């Protein structure tokens, strides 16, 4: 799991002094400003974010360990769910600990290398989750639309291959964005009006024209987000059409309820991402974009264990078995 620990406390006077002294020098560190309209409530923000973060880690961590330890959960679906849980823990830990440090101890600064490392890792994990959610939608499509051939199609080797493609595709697809951003000169303002180092707000701090970076970033974002989202939508459309053919009313209701929940989480994840990264220009509104970013950086990782796992009968039974086993010991 990836976390960032940052030092140096910055108050308002130091912040203003830092900005004025950086005009003619190369930026060596950035200042995470966070939520402009919520600066007066750091304690409340800390408590809310801490609760969500602990719930996310506990929920995803429990699912990840449970799938590993319980052989009855060694199926393609739960194999992908365990990958999603691990990805969500890593994904959340890239940004939330820095938020907590800012709210609790006013640790606002982040070094130049650490900022770009955070941006790259975060965007890579974001892309990897897009690919993984697409794989999971395909897995559900095969399970519901071709149940008799499910185990022959979703073999262990194919599941491993799809997972490797999702993870490696996420980290490889962002290299170009990182390389182009590192070539930009940063000599002026160093205040990031966001709660983590992200691509759009970083481009606004560059001391040169960033239209090429914006075009490349938007193109890569559009390709990843739109293609994966369209594939997910197509999978769920075919799933719904297959569900409508089920004779049992209870069977249709149960299957449709599960798929509807999955698709709702996918929408909460994809639509804010499309709003954030598929843009014709580097327009950026601090409050709006920060709140939109919370949907896919904090809310979705928290909801995934509930939607994909805790509602599952198999997961509940696995929890009961583990509790009984621990009680007997």
C-alpha atoms as a PDB file:
ATOM      1  CA  UNK A   1       0.000   0.000   0.000  1.00  0.00           C
ATOM      2  CA  UNK A   2       1.253   3.392  -0.955  1.00  0.00           C
ATOM      3  CA  UNK A   3       1.141   6.354   1.441  1.00  0.00           C
ATOM      4  CA  UNK A   4       2.887   9.731   1.496  1.00  0.00           C
ATOM      5  CA  UNK A   5       4.287  11.379   4.646  1.00  0.00           C
ATOM      6  CA  UNK A   6       5.108  15.055   4.326  1.00  0.00           C
ATOM      7  CA  UNK A   7       6.829  17.475   6.741  1.00  0.00           C
ATOM      8  CA  UNK A   8       6.999  21.298   7.355  1.00  0.00           C
ATOM      9  CA  UNK A   9       4.047  23.178   8.833  1.00  0.00           C
ATOM     10  CA  UNK A  10       2.805  26.111   6.771  1.00  0.00           C
ATOM     11  CA  UNK A  11       0.685  28.913   8.201  1.00  0.00           C
ATOM     12  CA  UNK A  12      -0.917  31.725   6.241  1.00  0.00           C
ATOM     13  CA  UNK A  13       2.035  34.136   6.535  1.00  0.00           C
ATOM     14  CA  UNK A  14       4.555  31.525   5.418  1.00  0.00           C
ATOM     15  CA  UNK A  15       2.251  30.513   2.543  1.00  0.00           C
ATOM     16  CA  UNK A  16       2.085  34.072   1.218  1.00  0.00           C
ATOM     17  CA  UNK A  17       5.832  34.515   1.641  1.00  0.00           C
ATOM     18  CA  UNK A  18       6.522  31.264  -0.202  1.00  0.00           C
ATOM     19  CA  UNK A  19       4.360  32.323  -3.129  1.00  0.00           C
ATOM     20  CA  UNK A  20       6.016  35.724  -3.466  1.00  0.00           C
ATOM     21  CA  UNK A  21       9.541  34.293  -3.274  1.00  0.00           C
ATOM     22  CA  UNK A  22       8.992  31.668  -5.953  1.00  0.00           C
ATOM     23  CA  UNK A  23       8.391  33.999  -8.866  1.00  0.00           C
ATOM     24  CA  UNK A  24      11.900  33.826 -10.259  1.00  0.00           C
ATOM     25  CA  UNK A  25      13.008  30.469  -8.878  1.00  0.00           C
ATOM     26  CA  UNK A  26      12.431  26.866  -9.736  1.00  0.00           C
ATOM     27  CA  UNK A  27       9.666  25.307  -7.629  1.00  0.00           C
ATOM     28  CA  UNK A  28      11.043  22.693  -5.218  1.00  0.00           C
ATOM     29  CA  UNK A  29       7.816  22.016  -3.367  1.00  0.00           C
ATOM     30  CA  UNK A  30       4.089  22.529  -3.703  1.00  0.00           C
ATOM     31  CA  UNK A  31       1.473  23.589  -1.185  1.00  0.00           C
ATOM     32  CA  UNK A  32      -1.737  21.558  -1.052  1.00  0.00           C
ATOM     33  CA  UNK A  33      -4.480  24.093  -0.412  1.00  0.00           C
ATOM     34  CA  UNK A  34      -7.364  21.619  -0.191  1.00  0.00           C
ATOM     35  CA  UNK A  35     -10.963  22.763  -0.091  1.00  0.00           C
ATOM     36  CA  UNK A  36     -11.049  26.595  -0.258  1.00  0.00           C
ATOM     37  CA  UNK A  37     -14.608  26.992   1.055  1.00  0.00           C
ATOM     38  CA  UNK A  38     -14.141  24.475   3.883  1.00  0.00           C
ATOM     39  CA  UNK A  39     -10.894  25.750   5.400  1.00  0.00           C
ATOM     40  CA  UNK A  40     -12.731  26.786   8.581  1.00  0.00           C
ATOM     41  CA  UNK A  41     -13.742  23.200   9.431  1.00  0.00           C
ATOM     42  CA  UNK A  42     -10.507  21.164   9.542  1.00  0.00           C
ATOM     43  CA  UNK A  43     -11.583  19.087  12.556  1.00  0.00           C
ATOM     44  CA  UNK A  44     -14.875  18.089  10.940  1.00  0.00           C
ATOM     45  CA  UNK A  45     -13.152  17.235   7.664  1.00  0.00           C
ATOM     46  CA  UNK A  46     -10.523  15.220   9.515  1.00  0.00           C
ATOM     47  CA  UNK A  47     -13.117  13.168  11.405  1.00  0.00           C
ATOM     48  CA  UNK A  48     -15.230  12.485   8.310  1.00  0.00           C
ATOM     49  CA  UNK A  49     -12.250  11.552   6.122  1.00  0.00           C
ATOM     50  CA  UNK A  50     -10.689   9.417   8.857  1.00  0.00           C
ATOM     51  CA  UNK A  51     -13.914   7.463   9.357  1.00  0.00           C
ATOM     52  CA  UNK A  52     -14.331   6.876   5.621  1.00  0.00           C
ATOM     53  CA  UNK A  53     -10.680   5.906   5.222  1.00  0.00           C
ATOM     54  CA  UNK A  54     -10.739   3.418   8.113  1.00  0.00           C
ATOM     55  CA  UNK A  55     -13.989   1.931   6.846  1.00  0.00           C
ATOM     56  CA  UNK A  56     -12.527   1.614   3.350  1.00  0.00           C
ATOM     57  CA  UNK A  57      -9.330  -0.070   4.557  1.00  0.00           C
ATOM     58  CA  UNK A  58     -11.160  -2.362   6.977  1.00  0.00           C
ATOM     59  CA  UNK A  59     -13.819  -3.358   4.449  1.00  0.00           C
ATOM     60  CA  UNK A  60     -11.534  -3.895   1.482  1.00  0.00           C
ATOM     61  CA  UNK A  61      -8.857  -5.507   3.639  1.00  0.00           C
ATOM     62  CA  UNK A  62     -11.373  -7.980   5.075  1.00  0.00           C
ATOM     63  CA  UNK A  63     -12.593  -8.942   1.613  1.00  0.00           C
ATOM     64  CA  UNK A  64      -9.057  -9.302   0.275  1.00  0.00           C
ATOM     65  CA  UNK A  65      -7.930 -11.578   3.129  1.00  0.00           C
ATOM     66  CA  UNK A  66     -11.159 -13.548   3.148  1.00  0.00           C
ATOM     67  CA  UNK A  67     -10.893 -14.408  -0.544  1.00  0.00           C
ATOM     68  CA  UNK A  68      -7.287 -15.528  -0.054  1.00  0.00           C
ATOM     69  CA  UNK A  69      -7.963 -17.646   3.040  1.00  0.00           C
ATOM     70  CA  UNK A  70     -11.282 -19.262   2.076  1.00  0.00           C
ATOM     71  CA  UNK A  71     -10.932 -21.808  -0.725  1.00  0.00           C
ATOM     72  CA  UNK A  72     -14.651 -21.731  -1.421  1.00  0.00           C
ATOM     73  CA  UNK A  73     -14.189 -18.183  -2.669  1.00  0.00           C
ATOM     74  CA  UNK A  74     -11.478 -19.169  -5.147  1.00  0.00           C
ATOM     75  CA  UNK A  75     -13.688 -18.420  -8.139  1.00  0.00           C
ATOM     76  CA  UNK A  76     -13.134 -15.979 -11.033  1.00  0.00           C
ATOM     77  CA  UNK A  77     -15.646 -13.463  -9.672  1.00  0.00           C
ATOM     78  CA  UNK A  78     -14.103 -13.250  -6.203  1.00  0.00           C
ATOM     79  CA  UNK A  79     -10.613 -13.313  -7.661  1.00  0.00           C
ATOM     80  CA  UNK A  80     -11.449 -10.065  -9.470  1.00  0.00           C
ATOM     81  CA  UNK A  81     -13.206  -8.701  -6.366  1.00  0.00           C
ATOM     82  CA  UNK A  82     -10.061  -9.305  -4.290  1.00  0.00           C
ATOM     83  CA  UNK A  83      -8.012  -7.432  -6.893  1.00  0.00           C
ATOM     84  CA  UNK A  84     -10.514  -4.578  -6.755  1.00  0.00           C
ATOM     85  CA  UNK A  85     -10.260  -4.501  -2.951  1.00  0.00           C
ATOM     86  CA  UNK A  86      -6.467  -4.353  -3.033  1.00  0.00           C
ATOM     87  CA  UNK A  87      -6.576  -1.676  -5.727  1.00  0.00           C
ATOM     88  CA  UNK A  88      -9.052   0.408  -3.716  1.00  0.00           C
ATOM     89  CA  UNK A  89      -6.870   0.219  -0.603  1.00  0.00           C
ATOM     90  CA  UNK A  90      -3.832   1.366  -2.583  1.00  0.00           C
ATOM     91  CA  UNK A  91      -5.842   3.934  -4.496  1.00  0.00           C
ATOM     92  CA  UNK A  92      -7.259   5.541  -1.360  1.00  0.00           C
ATOM     93  CA  UNK A  93      -3.963   5.446   0.512  1.00  0.00           C
ATOM     94  CA  UNK A  94      -2.256   7.554  -2.134  1.00  0.00           C
ATOM     95  CA  UNK A  95      -4.382  10.624  -1.367  1.00  0.00           C
ATOM     96  CA  UNK A  96      -6.308  10.357   1.914  1.00  0.00           C
ATOM     97  CA  UNK A  97      -3.356  10.171   4.393  1.00  0.00           C
ATOM     98  CA  UNK A  98      -2.066  13.481   3.015  1.00  0.00           C
ATOM     99  CA  UNK A  99      -5.527  14.971   3.461  1.00  0.00           C
ATOM    100  CA  UNK A 100      -5.616  13.769   7.078  1.00  0.00           C
ATOM    101  CA  UNK A 101      -2.146  15.197   7.759  1.00  0.00           C
ATOM    102  CA  UNK A 102      -3.253  18.555   6.387  1.00  0.00           C
ATOM    103  CA  UNK A 103      -6.473  18.700   8.398  1.00  0.00           C
ATOM    104  CA  UNK A 104      -4.927  17.480  11.663  1.00  0.00           C
ATOM    105  CA  UNK A 105      -1.406  18.975  11.647  1.00  0.00           C
ATOM    106  CA  UNK A 106      -1.460  21.560   8.827  1.00  0.00           C
ATOM    107  CA  UNK A 107       1.193  19.594   6.906  1.00  0.00           C
ATOM    108  CA  UNK A 108       0.465  21.313   3.626  1.00  0.00           C
ATOM    109  CA  UNK A 109       3.720  20.985   1.698  1.00  0.00           C
ATOM    110  CA  UNK A 110       4.790  18.227  -0.641  1.00  0.00           C
ATOM    111  CA  UNK A 111       8.129  18.024  -2.440  1.00  0.00           C
ATOM    112  CA  UNK A 112       8.387  18.312  -6.217  1.00  0.00           C
ATOM    113  CA  UNK A 113       9.335  14.601  -6.769  1.00  0.00           C
ATOM    114  CA  UNK A 114       6.730  13.369  -4.280  1.00  0.00           C
ATOM    115  CA  UNK A 115       4.014  15.441  -5.951  1.00  0.00           C
ATOM    116  CA  UNK A 116       4.695  13.972  -9.378  1.00  0.00           C
ATOM    117  CA  UNK A 117       5.033  10.480  -7.890  1.00  0.00           C
ATOM    118  CA  UNK A 118       1.629  10.897  -6.245  1.00  0.00           C
ATOM    119  CA  UNK A 119       0.117  12.105  -9.523  1.00  0.00           C
ATOM    120  CA  UNK A 120       1.547   9.197 -11.511  1.00  0.00           C
ATOM    121  CA  UNK A 121       0.593   6.489  -9.020  1.00  0.00           C
ATOM    122  CA  UNK A 122      -2.883   7.910  -8.507  1.00  0.00           C
ATOM    123  CA  UNK A 123      -3.633   8.237 -12.237  1.00  0.00           C
ATOM    124  CA  UNK A 124      -2.180   4.778 -12.904  1.00  0.00           C
ATOM    125  CA  UNK A 125      -4.362   3.183 -10.236  1.00  0.00           C
ATOM    126  CA  UNK A 126      -7.339   5.107 -11.606  1.00  0.00           C
ATOM    127  CA  UNK A 127      -6.738   3.739 -15.097  1.00  0.00           C
ATOM    128  CA  UNK A 128      -6.119   0.245 -13.697  1.00  0.00           C
ATOM    129  CA  UNK A 129      -9.482   0.347 -11.907  1.00  0.00           C
ATOM    130  CA  UNK A 130     -11.203   1.365 -15.147  1.00  0.00           C
ATOM    131  CA  UNK A 131      -9.711  -1.670 -16.875  1.00  0.00           C
ATOM    132  CA  UNK A 132     -10.502  -3.948 -13.934  1.00  0.00           C
ATOM    133  CA  UNK A 133     -14.147  -2.831 -13.746  1.00  0.00           C
ATOM    134  CA  UNK A 134     -14.402  -3.602 -17.455  1.00  0.00           C
ATOM    135  CA  UNK A 135     -12.980  -7.076 -16.856  1.00  0.00           C
ATOM    136  CA  UNK A 136     -15.440  -7.602 -13.995  1.00  0.00           C
ATOM    137  CA  UNK A 137     -18.355  -6.548 -16.229  1.00  0.00           C
ATOM    138  CA  UNK A 138     -17.177  -9.047 -18.850  1.00  0.00           C
ATOM    139  CA  UNK A 139     -16.948 -11.744 -16.160  1.00  0.00           C
ATOM    140  CA  UNK A 140     -20.575 -11.093 -15.115  1.00  0.00           C
ATOM    141  CA  UNK A 141     -21.637 -11.080 -18.766  1.00  0.00           C
ATOM    142  CA  UNK A 142     -20.133 -14.526 -19.321  1.00  0.00           C
ATOM    143  CA  UNK A 143     -21.565 -15.864 -16.041  1.00  0.00           C
ATOM    144  CA  UNK A 144     -25.114 -14.722 -16.787  1.00  0.00           C
ATOM    145  CA  UNK A 145     -25.287 -14.977 -20.571  1.00  0.00           C
ATOM    146  CA  UNK A 146     -23.208 -18.175 -21.001  1.00  0.00           C
ATOM    147  CA  UNK A 147     -23.434 -19.988 -17.659  1.00  0.00           C
ATOM    148  CA  UNK A 148     -22.733 -23.444 -19.108  1.00  0.00           C
ATOM    149  CA  UNK A 149     -19.454 -22.283 -20.642  1.00  0.00           C
ATOM    150  CA  UNK A 150     -18.418 -19.982 -17.797  1.00  0.00           C
ATOM    151  CA  UNK A 151     -15.724 -22.180 -16.259  1.00  0.00           C
ATOM    152  CA  UNK A 152     -14.261 -23.113 -19.633  1.00  0.00           C
ATOM    153  CA  UNK A 153     -14.062 -19.452 -20.695  1.00  0.00           C
ATOM    154  CA  UNK A 154     -12.958 -17.887 -17.396  1.00  0.00           C
ATOM    155  CA  UNK A 155     -10.091 -20.245 -16.674  1.00  0.00           C
ATOM    156  CA  UNK A 156      -7.461 -19.484 -14.053  1.00  0.00           C
ATOM    157  CA  UNK A 157      -4.956 -18.627 -16.771  1.00  0.00           C
ATOM    158  CA  UNK A 158      -7.355 -16.239 -18.502  1.00  0.00           C
ATOM    159  CA  UNK A 159      -8.287 -14.548 -15.222  1.00  0.00           C
ATOM    160  CA  UNK A 160      -4.611 -14.018 -14.442  1.00  0.00           C
ATOM    161  CA  UNK A 161      -3.974 -12.661 -17.946  1.00  0.00           C
ATOM    162  CA  UNK A 162      -6.887 -10.213 -17.730  1.00  0.00           C
ATOM    163  CA  UNK A 163      -5.698  -9.005 -14.321  1.00  0.00           C
ATOM    164  CA  UNK A 164      -2.141  -8.467 -15.563  1.00  0.00           C
ATOM    165  CA  UNK A 165      -3.475  -6.530 -18.542  1.00  0.00           C
ATOM    166  CA  UNK A 166      -5.596  -4.330 -16.265  1.00  0.00           C
ATOM    167  CA  UNK A 167      -2.759  -3.499 -13.851  1.00  0.00           C
ATOM    168  CA  UNK A 168       0.010  -3.101 -16.426  1.00  0.00           C
ATOM    169  CA  UNK A 169      -2.287  -1.183 -18.784  1.00  0.00           C
ATOM    170  CA  UNK A 170      -3.028   1.298 -16.025  1.00  0.00           C
ATOM    171  CA  UNK A 171       0.611   2.022 -15.197  1.00  0.00           C
ATOM    172  CA  UNK A 172       1.880   2.023 -18.786  1.00  0.00           C
ATOM    173  CA  UNK A 173      -0.846   4.285 -20.165  1.00  0.00           C
ATOM    174  CA  UNK A 174       0.066   7.192 -17.859  1.00  0.00           C
ATOM    175  CA  UNK A 175       3.815   7.246 -18.583  1.00  0.00           C
ATOM    176  CA  UNK A 176       3.371   9.701 -21.479  1.00  0.00           C
ATOM    177  CA  UNK A 177       1.341  12.088 -19.301  1.00  0.00           C
ATOM    178  CA  UNK A 178       4.003  11.968 -16.567  1.00  0.00           C
ATOM    179  CA  UNK A 179       6.904  12.458 -18.990  1.00  0.00           C
ATOM    180  CA  UNK A 180       5.345  15.494 -20.653  1.00  0.00           C
ATOM    181  CA  UNK A 181       4.423  17.046 -17.281  1.00  0.00           C
ATOM    182  CA  UNK A 182       7.976  16.623 -15.953  1.00  0.00           C
ATOM    183  CA  UNK A 183       9.327  18.615 -18.917  1.00  0.00           C
ATOM    184  CA  UNK A 184       7.258  21.674 -18.009  1.00  0.00           C
ATOM    185  CA  UNK A 185       8.948  24.592 -16.211  1.00  0.00           C
ATOM    186  CA  UNK A 186       7.514  25.432 -12.791  1.00  0.00           C
ATOM    187  CA  UNK A 187       8.849  28.816 -11.699  1.00  0.00           C
ATOM    188  CA  UNK A 188       5.857  30.715 -10.340  1.00  0.00           C
ATOM    189  CA  UNK A 189       2.917  29.941  -8.027  1.00  0.00           C
ATOM    190  CA  UNK A 190       3.196  26.640  -6.193  1.00  0.00           C
ATOM    191  CA  UNK A 191      -0.219  26.446  -4.509  1.00  0.00           C
ATOM    192  CA  UNK A 192      -2.327  23.504  -5.728  1.00  0.00           C
ATOM    193  CA  UNK A 193      -6.011  24.265  -5.245  1.00  0.00           C
ATOM    194  CA  UNK A 194      -6.877  20.638  -4.731  1.00  0.00           C
ATOM    195  CA  UNK A 195      -6.385  18.079  -1.972  1.00  0.00           C
ATOM    196  CA  UNK A 196      -3.782  16.030  -3.861  1.00  0.00           C
ATOM    197  CA  UNK A 197      -1.413  16.439  -6.806  1.00  0.00           C
ATOM    198  CA  UNK A 198      -3.544  15.946  -9.886  1.00  0.00           C
ATOM    199  CA  UNK A 199      -2.827  16.574 -13.543  1.00  0.00           C
ATOM    200  CA  UNK A 200      -5.215  19.517 -14.308  1.00  0.00           C
ATOM    201  CA  UNK A 201      -4.250  21.700 -11.309  1.00  0.00           C
ATOM    202  CA  UNK A 202      -0.541  20.985 -11.835  1.00  0.00           C
ATOM    203  CA  UNK A 203      -0.727  22.142 -15.456  1.00  0.00           C
ATOM    204  CA  UNK A 204      -2.157  25.459 -14.292  1.00  0.00           C
ATOM    205  CA  UNK A 205       1.032  26.134 -12.320  1.00  0.00           C
ATOM    206  CA  UNK A 206       3.400  25.675 -15.273  1.00  0.00           C
ATOM    207  CA  UNK A 207       5.185  28.783 -16.584  1.00  0.00           C
ATOM    208  CA  UNK A 208       4.500  28.010 -20.228  1.00  0.00           C
ATOM    209  CA  UNK A 209       1.753  27.076 -22.647  1.00  0.00           C
ATOM    210  CA  UNK A 210       0.316  23.680 -21.661  1.00  0.00           C
ATOM    211  CA  UNK A 211      -2.159  23.219 -24.513  1.00  0.00           C
ATOM    212  CA  UNK A 212      -0.201  20.238 -25.883  1.00  0.00           C
ATOM    213  CA  UNK A 213      -0.139  18.567 -22.457  1.00  0.00           C
ATOM    214  CA  UNK A 214      -3.857  19.199 -22.070  1.00  0.00           C
ATOM    215  CA  UNK A 215      -4.572  17.720 -25.502  1.00  0.00           C
ATOM    216  CA  UNK A 216      -2.474  14.623 -24.853  1.00  0.00           C
ATOM    217  CA  UNK A 217      -3.878  14.139 -21.347  1.00  0.00           C
ATOM    218  CA  UNK A 218      -7.458  14.576 -22.542  1.00  0.00           C
ATOM    219  CA  UNK A 219      -6.893  12.178 -25.448  1.00  0.00           C
ATOM    220  CA  UNK A 220      -5.436   9.462 -23.232  1.00  0.00           C
ATOM    221  CA  UNK A 221      -8.156  10.066 -20.642  1.00  0.00           C
ATOM    222  CA  UNK A 222     -10.882   9.948 -23.285  1.00  0.00           C
ATOM    223  CA  UNK A 223      -9.501   6.743 -24.777  1.00  0.00           C
ATOM    224  CA  UNK A 224      -9.265   4.942 -21.439  1.00  0.00           C
ATOM    225  CA  UNK A 225     -12.455   6.251 -19.843  1.00  0.00           C
ATOM    226  CA  UNK A 226     -14.805   6.288 -22.809  1.00  0.00           C
ATOM    227  CA  UNK A 227     -13.701   2.946 -24.260  1.00  0.00           C
ATOM    228  CA  UNK A 228     -13.864   1.114 -20.927  1.00  0.00           C
ATOM    229  CA  UNK A 229     -17.155   2.774 -19.986  1.00  0.00           C
ATOM    230  CA  UNK A 230     -18.734   1.875 -23.335  1.00  0.00           C
ATOM    231  CA  UNK A 231     -17.587  -1.739 -22.935  1.00  0.00           C
ATOM    232  CA  UNK A 232     -19.073  -1.855 -19.433  1.00  0.00           C
ATOM    233  CA  UNK A 233     -22.377  -0.414 -20.675  1.00  0.00           C
ATOM    234  CA  UNK A 234     -22.528  -2.925 -23.542  1.00  0.00           C
ATOM    235  CA  UNK A 235     -21.862  -5.787 -21.105  1.00  0.00           C
ATOM    236  CA  UNK A 236     -24.649  -4.681 -18.781  1.00  0.00           C
ATOM    237  CA  UNK A 237     -27.096  -4.123 -21.626  1.00  0.00           C
ATOM    238  CA  UNK A 238     -26.525  -7.710 -22.744  1.00  0.00           C
ATOM    239  CA  UNK A 239     -26.835  -8.854 -19.130  1.00  0.00           C
ATOM    240  CA  UNK A 240     -30.183  -7.055 -18.753  1.00  0.00           C
ATOM    241  CA  UNK A 241     -31.479  -8.551 -21.993  1.00  0.00           C
ATOM    242  CA  UNK A 242     -30.456 -11.983 -20.743  1.00  0.00           C
ATOM    243  CA  UNK A 243     -32.127 -11.376 -17.364  1.00  0.00           C
ATOM    244  CA  UNK A 244     -35.417 -10.513 -19.073  1.00  0.00           C
ATOM    245  CA  UNK A 245     -35.421 -14.012 -20.558  1.00  0.00           C
ATOM    246  CA  UNK A 246     -35.331 -15.665 -17.128  1.00  0.00           C
ATOM    247  CA  UNK A 247     -38.669 -17.384 -16.445  1.00  0.00           C
ATOM    248  CA  UNK A 248     -38.552 -17.092 -12.666  1.00  0.00           C
ATOM    249  CA  UNK A 249     -39.767 -13.724 -11.385  1.00  0.00           C
ATOM    250  CA  UNK A 250     -37.686 -14.041  -8.206  1.00  0.00           C
ATOM    251  CA  UNK A 251     -34.629 -15.012 -10.246  1.00  0.00           C
ATOM    252  CA  UNK A 252     -35.031 -11.962 -12.473  1.00  0.00           C
ATOM    253  CA  UNK A 253     -35.507  -9.669  -9.491  1.00  0.00           C
ATOM    254  CA  UNK A 254     -32.474 -10.995  -7.609  1.00  0.00           C
ATOM    255  CA  UNK A 255     -30.129 -10.934 -10.592  1.00  0.00           C
ATOM    256  CA  UNK A 256     -31.314  -7.521 -11.750  1.00  0.00           C
ATOM    257  CA  UNK A 257     -30.924  -6.064  -8.238  1.00  0.00           C
ATOM    258  CA  UNK A 258     -27.311  -7.210  -8.055  1.00  0.00           C
ATOM    259  CA  UNK A 259     -26.419  -5.946 -11.537  1.00  0.00           C
ATOM    260  CA  UNK A 260     -28.182  -2.625 -10.947  1.00  0.00           C
ATOM    261  CA  UNK A 261     -26.104  -2.054  -7.809  1.00  0.00           C
ATOM    262  CA  UNK A 262     -22.898  -2.881  -9.667  1.00  0.00           C
ATOM    263  CA  UNK A 263     -23.790  -0.579 -12.530  1.00  0.00           C
ATOM    264  CA  UNK A 264     -24.674   2.244 -10.120  1.00  0.00           C
ATOM    265  CA  UNK A 265     -21.208   2.054  -8.553  1.00  0.00           C
ATOM    266  CA  UNK A 266     -19.622   1.975 -12.004  1.00  0.00           C
ATOM    267  CA  UNK A 267     -21.504   5.162 -12.922  1.00  0.00           C
ATOM    268  CA  UNK A 268     -20.435   6.904  -9.703  1.00  0.00           C
ATOM    269  CA  UNK A 269     -16.851   6.047 -10.591  1.00  0.00           C
ATOM    270  CA  UNK A 270     -16.772   6.700 -14.337  1.00  0.00           C
ATOM    271  CA  UNK A 271     -18.934   9.805 -14.782  1.00  0.00           C
ATOM    272  CA  UNK A 272     -16.958  12.078 -12.401  1.00  0.00           C
ATOM    273  CA  UNK A 273     -13.730  10.840 -13.998  1.00  0.00           C
ATOM    274  CA  UNK A 274     -15.025  11.709 -17.460  1.00  0.00           C
ATOM    275  CA  UNK A 275     -15.983  15.167 -16.155  1.00  0.00           C
ATOM    276  CA  UNK A 276     -12.512  15.674 -14.636  1.00  0.00           C
ATOM    277  CA  UNK A 277     -10.165  14.347 -17.308  1.00  0.00           C
ATOM    278  CA  UNK A 278     -11.926  14.498 -20.672  1.00  0.00           C
ATOM    279  CA  UNK A 279     -11.736  18.266 -21.136  1.00  0.00           C
ATOM    280  CA  UNK A 280     -10.919  20.506 -24.092  1.00  0.00           C
ATOM    281  CA  UNK A 281      -8.946  22.864 -21.842  1.00  0.00           C
ATOM    282  CA  UNK A 282      -7.380  22.954 -18.402  1.00  0.00           C
ATOM    283  CA  UNK A 283     -10.294  24.790 -16.821  1.00  0.00           C
ATOM    284  CA  UNK A 284     -10.382  24.179 -13.120  1.00  0.00           C
ATOM    285  CA  UNK A 285     -12.798  25.178 -10.363  1.00  0.00           C
ATOM    286  CA  UNK A 286     -11.356  24.421  -6.948  1.00  0.00           C
ATOM    287  CA  UNK A 287     -14.506  23.669  -4.988  1.00  0.00           C
ATOM    288  CA  UNK A 288     -16.475  21.955  -7.726  1.00  0.00           C
ATOM    289  CA  UNK A 289     -13.653  19.746  -8.944  1.00  0.00           C
ATOM    290  CA  UNK A 290     -12.512  18.866  -5.418  1.00  0.00           C
ATOM    291  CA  UNK A 291     -16.010  17.746  -4.511  1.00  0.00           C
ATOM    292  CA  UNK A 292     -16.369  15.812  -7.763  1.00  0.00           C
ATOM    293  CA  UNK A 293     -13.013  14.132  -7.124  1.00  0.00           C
ATOM    294  CA  UNK A 294     -14.276  12.959  -3.735  1.00  0.00           C
ATOM    295  CA  UNK A 295     -16.803  10.745  -5.506  1.00  0.00           C
ATOM    296  CA  UNK A 296     -14.210   8.506  -7.136  1.00  0.00           C
ATOM    297  CA  UNK A 297     -11.327   8.903  -4.670  1.00  0.00           C
ATOM    298  CA  UNK A 298     -13.242   8.397  -1.420  1.00  0.00           C
ATOM    299  CA  UNK A 299     -16.880   7.401  -1.965  1.00  0.00           C
ATOM    300  CA  UNK A 300     -16.470   4.633  -4.548  1.00  0.00           C
ATOM    301  CA  UNK A 301     -13.677   2.740  -2.718  1.00  0.00           C
ATOM    302  CA  UNK A 302     -15.837   2.843   0.410  1.00  0.00           C
ATOM    303  CA  UNK A 303     -18.922   1.533  -1.423  1.00  0.00           C
ATOM    304  CA  UNK A 304     -17.203  -1.227  -3.392  1.00  0.00           C
ATOM    305  CA  UNK A 305     -16.932  -3.693  -0.463  1.00  0.00           C
ATOM    306  CA  UNK A 306     -20.607  -3.160   0.374  1.00  0.00           C
ATOM    307  CA  UNK A 307     -21.915  -3.451  -3.187  1.00  0.00           C
ATOM    308  CA  UNK A 308     -19.636  -6.168  -4.564  1.00  0.00           C
ATOM    309  CA  UNK A 309     -19.079  -8.279  -1.472  1.00  0.00           C
ATOM    310  CA  UNK A 310     -20.987  -7.752   1.769  1.00  0.00           C
ATOM    311  CA  UNK A 311     -24.323  -8.235   0.011  1.00  0.00           C
ATOM    312  CA  UNK A 312     -23.080 -11.571  -1.318  1.00  0.00           C
ATOM    313  CA  UNK A 313     -24.347 -14.739   0.348  1.00  0.00           C
ATOM    314  CA  UNK A 314     -20.991 -16.445  -0.239  1.00  0.00           C
ATOM    315  CA  UNK A 315     -19.091 -13.649   1.525  1.00  0.00           C
ATOM    316  CA  UNK A 316     -21.484 -13.693   4.479  1.00  0.00           C
ATOM    317  CA  UNK A 317     -21.111 -17.461   4.829  1.00  0.00           C
ATOM    318  CA  UNK A 318     -17.334 -17.160   4.631  1.00  0.00           C
ATOM    319  CA  UNK A 319     -17.394 -14.566   7.437  1.00  0.00           C
ATOM    320  CA  UNK A 320     -19.535 -16.854   9.584  1.00  0.00           C
ATOM    321  CA  UNK A 321     -17.170 -19.768   9.014  1.00  0.00           C
ATOM    322  CA  UNK A 322     -14.176 -17.673  10.028  1.00  0.00           C
ATOM    323  CA  UNK A 323     -15.960 -16.370  13.135  1.00  0.00           C
ATOM    324  CA  UNK A 324     -16.953 -19.910  14.170  1.00  0.00           C
ATOM    325  CA  UNK A 325     -13.414 -21.109  13.559  1.00  0.00           C
ATOM    326  CA  UNK A 326     -11.926 -18.311  15.678  1.00  0.00           C
ATOM    327  CA  UNK A 327     -14.502 -18.933  18.431  1.00  0.00           C
ATOM    328  CA  UNK A 328     -13.630 -22.638  18.649  1.00  0.00           C
ATOM    329  CA  UNK A 329      -9.971 -21.746  19.068  1.00  0.00           C
END
